Amino acid sequence: MTGIIAALLYGVICFFAGRKIAGEKPEVRFQKAVFWCLLAAGLLFRVVLGLFTVGYENDLNTFKAWGMIVRNQGMGNVYYNDSLFLDYPPGYLYILTALDGLRSALGIGS
């Protein structure tokens, strides 16, 4: 199975490397093709791995709770809540809040 995936990935790299782009050397085209194909293969691997693994349940439940709390209380109030231990930066909380909003919009249970 791994050999088939490697052969397909090599074929995709060769296809994109063979495309003519004005002003680019073949080596640069090949490097770009390898980069984008490896990036796509990594994303595909993560998606497939995510479908078959559950993850660490305590962490996942904590992230779900943080997303719900931030969505309900707002970002300005969440760090002032003494009953909540929150040691992540606001940027990640925005991501968790967006995921919780998506979960709610799709009607997926927590």
Protein backbone atom coordinates (compact mmCIF):
# COMPACT_ATOMS: atom_id res chain seq x y z
CA MET A 1 0.00 0.00 0.00
CA THR A 2 2.82 2.40 0.87
CA GLY A 3 4.48 1.70 -2.48
CA ILE A 4 1.29 2.57 -4.33
CA ILE A 5 0.91 5.83 -2.42
CA ALA A 6 4.57 6.70 -3.07
CA ALA A 7 4.18 5.97 -6.78
CA LEU A 8 1.06 8.14 -6.98
CA LEU A 9 2.81 10.97 -5.13
CA TYR A 10 5.79 10.70 -7.48
CA GLY A 11 3.47 10.82 -10.49
CA VAL A 12 1.74 13.93 -9.19
CA ILE A 13 5.11 15.59 -8.53
CA CYS A 14 6.30 14.78 -12.06
CA PHE A 15 3.05 16.08 -13.55
CA PHE A 16 3.27 19.43 -11.77
CA ALA A 17 7.01 19.71 -12.32
CA GLY A 18 6.52 19.20 -16.05
CA ARG A 19 4.06 22.05 -16.40
CA LYS A 20 5.53 25.00 -18.21
CA ILE A 21 5.64 28.20 -16.22
CA ALA A 22 7.07 31.20 -18.01
CA GLY A 23 10.51 32.19 -16.80
CA GLU A 24 11.06 29.34 -14.34
CA LYS A 25 13.86 26.87 -14.54
CA PRO A 26 12.92 23.16 -14.46
CA GLU A 27 14.72 22.73 -11.12
CA VAL A 28 12.61 25.46 -9.51
CA ARG A 29 9.41 23.96 -10.92
CA PHE A 30 10.39 20.56 -9.53
CA GLN A 31 11.17 22.02 -6.10
CA LYS A 32 7.84 23.83 -6.00
CA ALA A 33 6.00 20.71 -7.10
CA VAL A 34 7.71 18.63 -4.42
CA PHE A 35 6.89 21.23 -1.77
CA TRP A 36 3.20 21.47 -2.65
CA CYS A 37 2.77 17.72 -3.08
CA LEU A 38 4.40 16.99 0.27
CA LEU A 39 2.24 19.64 1.90
CA ALA A 40 -0.90 18.09 0.36
CA ALA A 41 0.23 14.58 1.32
CA GLY A 42 0.81 15.73 4.90
CA LEU A 43 -2.65 17.26 5.07
CA LEU A 44 -4.22 14.13 3.62
CA PHE A 45 -2.30 11.98 6.12
CA ARG A 46 -3.54 14.11 9.03
CA VAL A 47 -7.14 13.96 7.84
CA VAL A 48 -7.03 10.17 7.41
CA LEU A 49 -5.29 9.76 10.77
CA GLY A 50 -7.91 11.99 12.40
CA LEU A 51 -10.70 9.80 11.08
CA PHE A 52 -9.32 6.68 12.74
CA THR A 53 -7.92 7.99 16.05
CA VAL A 54 -9.75 9.55 18.95
CA GLY A 55 -7.03 11.53 20.69
CA TYR A 56 -6.55 12.15 24.39
CA GLU A 57 -10.08 12.42 25.75
CA ASN A 58 -9.29 14.72 28.70
CA ASP A 59 -7.61 17.30 26.47
CA LEU A 60 -10.38 17.14 23.87
CA ASN A 61 -13.06 17.64 26.51
CA THR A 62 -11.14 20.60 27.94
CA PHE A 63 -10.83 22.21 24.49
CA LYS A 64 -14.56 21.67 23.84
CA ALA A 65 -15.43 23.26 27.18
CA TRP A 66 -13.15 26.25 26.54
CA GLY A 67 -14.76 26.81 23.15
CA MET A 68 -18.26 26.74 24.64
CA ILE A 69 -17.30 29.01 27.55
CA VAL A 70 -15.67 31.61 25.31
CA ARG A 71 -18.61 31.52 22.90
CA ASN A 72 -21.09 32.00 25.78
CA GLN A 73 -19.16 34.49 27.96
CA GLY A 74 -17.11 36.32 25.34
CA MET A 75 -13.34 36.64 25.03
CA GLY A 76 -13.18 39.70 27.30
CA ASN A 77 -14.59 37.86 30.31
CA VAL A 78 -13.04 34.43 30.04
CA TYR A 79 -9.66 35.30 31.59
CA TYR A 80 -11.32 36.92 34.62
CA ASN A 81 -13.23 33.77 35.56
CA ASP A 82 -11.58 32.44 38.75
CA SER A 83 -13.30 29.05 38.53
CA LEU A 84 -11.72 28.33 35.13
CA PHE A 85 -8.10 27.30 34.65
CA LEU A 86 -7.12 28.66 31.28
CA ASP A 87 -3.46 28.72 30.28
CA TYR A 88 -3.70 29.09 26.49
CA PRO A 89 -3.28 32.30 24.49
CA PRO A 90 -6.28 34.11 22.97
CA GLY A 91 -5.39 33.11 19.40
CA TYR A 92 -6.03 29.43 20.11
CA LEU A 93 -9.24 30.31 21.92
CA TYR A 94 -10.52 32.03 18.80
CA ILE A 95 -9.95 28.78 16.91
CA LEU A 96 -11.73 26.76 19.60
CA THR A 97 -14.61 29.23 19.61
CA ALA A 98 -14.93 29.01 15.82
CA LEU A 99 -14.93 25.21 16.01
CA ASP A 100 -17.60 25.30 18.72
CA GLY A 101 -19.70 27.64 16.59
CA LEU A 102 -19.34 25.25 13.66
CA ARG A 103 -20.28 22.33 15.90
CA SER A 104 -23.36 24.19 17.08
CA ALA A 105 -24.36 25.29 13.56
CA LEU A 106 -24.12 21.72 12.26
CA GLY A 107 -26.08 20.36 15.22
CA ILE A 108 -23.28 18.08 16.39
CA GLY A 109 -23.48 17.14 20.06
CA SER A 110 -20.64 18.00 22.37
